[in-house]
């Protein structure tokens, strides 16, 4: 009788292994995402605290499963901004990445991207102090890096 119970338990455990979902897993935190803005971001128009939209450029794959599909929405927040200034100084801004949306759920992100306009310091030194630098601009197609902050189950 004891041998029969052990055999039955072993068969049940083996059968349970076949019922498990084929794609169950967890993508670890600190996974790299490559993102691009959905529209132009410029130091002329943004202010600290503005929310800016990005999308993932490629699929993020873990163990042959697409965990974060290409085009997934990413939100960032402007955390620093300067305008162009007299004396050849360029405009600058920083975006801190906050969330990526996967299957309707937001997951936290980390990472900061800094964009600087081209300065005009040489012209300012040899020309006039009235020369200013250029605004910082980030256009769709330009790449930035963000990282997942929490594991994502798939």
Protein backbone atom coordinates (compact mmCIF):
# COMPACT_ATOMS: atom_id res chain seq x y z
CA UNK A 1 0.00 0.00 0.00
CA UNK A 2 2.78 2.43 0.90
CA UNK A 3 4.52 1.77 -2.44
CA UNK A 4 1.27 2.57 -4.33
CA UNK A 5 0.85 5.96 -2.57
CA UNK A 6 4.46 6.96 -3.33
CA UNK A 7 4.06 5.94 -6.99
CA UNK A 8 0.77 7.85 -7.29
CA UNK A 9 2.34 10.97 -5.73
CA UNK A 10 5.28 10.77 -8.14
CA UNK A 11 2.93 10.47 -11.15
CA UNK A 12 0.85 13.44 -9.96
CA UNK A 13 3.97 15.59 -9.51
CA UNK A 14 5.19 14.66 -13.01
CA UNK A 15 1.79 15.50 -14.54
CA UNK A 16 1.71 18.85 -12.74
CA UNK A 17 4.96 19.77 -14.49
CA UNK A 18 3.25 19.45 -17.88
CA UNK A 19 0.39 21.75 -16.84
CA UNK A 20 2.66 24.70 -15.94
CA UNK A 21 2.48 27.66 -18.36
CA UNK A 22 5.17 27.52 -21.04
CA UNK A 23 6.22 31.21 -20.71
CA UNK A 24 6.18 31.75 -16.95
CA UNK A 25 9.12 33.75 -15.74
CA UNK A 26 10.38 37.02 -14.37
CA UNK A 27 12.55 39.61 -16.07
CA UNK A 28 14.99 41.01 -13.48
CA UNK A 29 15.24 44.61 -12.33
CA UNK A 30 17.96 46.75 -13.96
CA UNK A 31 17.11 45.46 -17.45
CA UNK A 32 18.16 47.97 -20.13
CA UNK A 33 15.54 49.66 -22.35
CA UNK A 34 16.36 51.84 -25.35
CA UNK A 35 13.79 54.61 -25.80
CA UNK A 36 13.08 57.53 -28.12
CA UNK A 37 10.81 60.56 -27.69
CA UNK A 38 7.41 60.54 -29.41
CA UNK A 39 7.78 64.24 -30.33
CA UNK A 40 10.50 66.88 -30.23
CA UNK A 41 11.62 68.02 -26.78
CA UNK A 42 13.37 71.39 -26.66
CA UNK A 43 14.73 73.55 -23.86
CA UNK A 44 12.79 76.45 -25.44
CA UNK A 45 9.45 74.89 -24.52
CA UNK A 46 9.85 72.52 -21.55
CA UNK A 47 9.81 73.40 -17.88
CA UNK A 48 10.94 71.45 -14.82
CA UNK A 49 8.14 69.06 -13.86
CA UNK A 50 6.78 68.60 -17.41
CA UNK A 51 5.93 64.99 -18.31
CA UNK A 52 7.38 63.88 -21.66
CA UNK A 53 6.51 60.77 -23.68
CA UNK A 54 8.86 58.18 -25.10
CA UNK A 55 8.44 54.69 -26.60
CA UNK A 56 10.68 51.66 -26.50
CA UNK A 57 12.66 51.20 -29.72
CA UNK A 58 12.95 47.42 -29.77
CA UNK A 59 11.41 44.40 -28.12
CA UNK A 60 12.88 43.53 -24.71
CA UNK A 61 13.24 39.75 -24.68
CA UNK A 62 13.89 37.43 -21.75
CA UNK A 63 14.30 33.67 -22.37
CA UNK A 64 12.73 33.89 -25.87
CA UNK A 65 9.65 35.73 -24.50
CA UNK A 66 8.91 39.33 -25.48
CA UNK A 67 8.38 40.95 -22.08
CA UNK A 68 8.29 44.61 -23.20
CA UNK A 69 7.15 45.00 -26.84
CA UNK A 70 8.60 47.62 -29.18
CA UNK A 71 6.53 50.81 -28.97
CA UNK A 72 5.62 50.43 -25.29
CA UNK A 73 4.84 53.85 -23.75
CA UNK A 74 7.47 55.35 -21.45
CA UNK A 75 6.99 58.44 -19.29
CA UNK A 76 9.74 60.79 -18.22
CA UNK A 77 9.83 64.02 -16.23
CA UNK A 78 11.95 67.10 -16.91
CA UNK A 79 14.11 67.47 -13.77
CA UNK A 80 16.54 70.18 -14.90
CA UNK A 81 16.46 72.93 -17.52
CA UNK A 82 18.44 75.99 -18.53
CA UNK A 83 17.78 78.24 -21.47
CA UNK A 84 20.42 79.45 -23.87
CA UNK A 85 22.31 82.42 -22.53
CA UNK A 86 24.41 85.36 -23.62
CA UNK A 87 28.08 84.54 -23.76
CA UNK A 88 27.67 81.44 -25.91
CA UNK A 89 26.15 79.16 -23.26
CA UNK A 90 23.79 76.54 -24.63
CA UNK A 91 20.43 75.38 -23.32
CA UNK A 92 20.25 72.08 -21.44
CA UNK A 93 17.65 69.75 -19.99
CA UNK A 94 17.50 66.42 -18.17
CA UNK A 95 14.79 63.78 -18.36
CA UNK A 96 14.35 61.27 -15.52
CA UNK A 97 12.57 58.13 -16.70
CA UNK A 98 9.66 57.12 -14.45
CA UNK A 99 7.50 54.32 -15.94
CA UNK A 100 7.06 51.89 -18.82
CA UNK A 101 3.60 50.54 -19.59
CA UNK A 102 3.29 46.83 -20.37
CA UNK A 103 -0.13 45.21 -20.94
CA UNK A 104 -1.87 48.19 -19.31
CA UNK A 105 0.28 48.15 -16.17
CA UNK A 106 2.95 50.74 -15.26
CA UNK A 107 6.34 49.50 -14.06
CA UNK A 108 8.94 51.83 -12.48
CA UNK A 109 12.04 52.91 -14.38
CA UNK A 110 15.28 54.67 -13.50
CA UNK A 111 17.80 56.53 -15.56
CA UNK A 112 18.47 60.13 -16.53
CA UNK A 113 19.19 61.51 -19.98
CA UNK A 114 20.87 64.93 -20.42
CA UNK A 115 20.62 66.89 -23.66
CA UNK A 116 22.76 69.96 -24.32
CA UNK A 117 22.54 72.44 -27.15
CA UNK A 118 25.66 73.38 -29.06
CA UNK A 119 27.47 76.25 -27.44
CA UNK A 120 28.82 79.22 -29.33
CA UNK A 121 31.62 80.12 -26.93
CA UNK A 122 34.27 80.74 -29.64
CA UNK A 123 32.03 83.25 -31.44
CA UNK A 124 31.23 84.89 -28.12
CA UNK A 125 34.92 85.24 -27.22
CA UNK A 126 35.97 86.65 -30.60
CA UNK A 127 32.76 88.44 -31.49
CA UNK A 128 30.31 89.96 -29.16
CA UNK A 129 28.97 89.11 -25.75
CA UNK A 130 25.53 89.32 -27.39
CA UNK A 131 26.08 85.96 -29.12
CA UNK A 132 24.09 83.17 -27.48
CA UNK A 133 24.27 79.39 -27.63
CA UNK A 134 21.65 77.08 -29.06
CA UNK A 135 18.65 75.44 -27.41
CA UNK A 136 18.89 71.78 -26.47
CA UNK A 137 16.69 69.60 -28.67
CA UNK A 138 15.87 65.89 -28.61
CA UNK A 139 13.98 64.57 -31.65
CA UNK A 140 12.17 61.28 -32.35
CA UNK A 141 14.75 58.72 -33.42
CA UNK A 142 17.37 59.91 -30.92
CA UNK A 143 18.10 57.19 -28.37
CA UNK A 144 18.25 57.25 -24.59
CA UNK A 145 18.71 54.47 -22.03
CA UNK A 146 16.44 53.59 -19.11
CA UNK A 147 16.43 50.67 -16.69
CA UNK A 148 13.62 48.68 -15.09
CA UNK A 149 13.49 49.21 -11.32
CA UNK A 150 11.44 46.14 -10.45
CA UNK A 151 11.14 42.61 -11.80
CA UNK A 152 8.43 42.13 -14.44
CA UNK A 153 6.56 38.83 -14.52
CA UNK A 154 5.58 37.35 -17.87
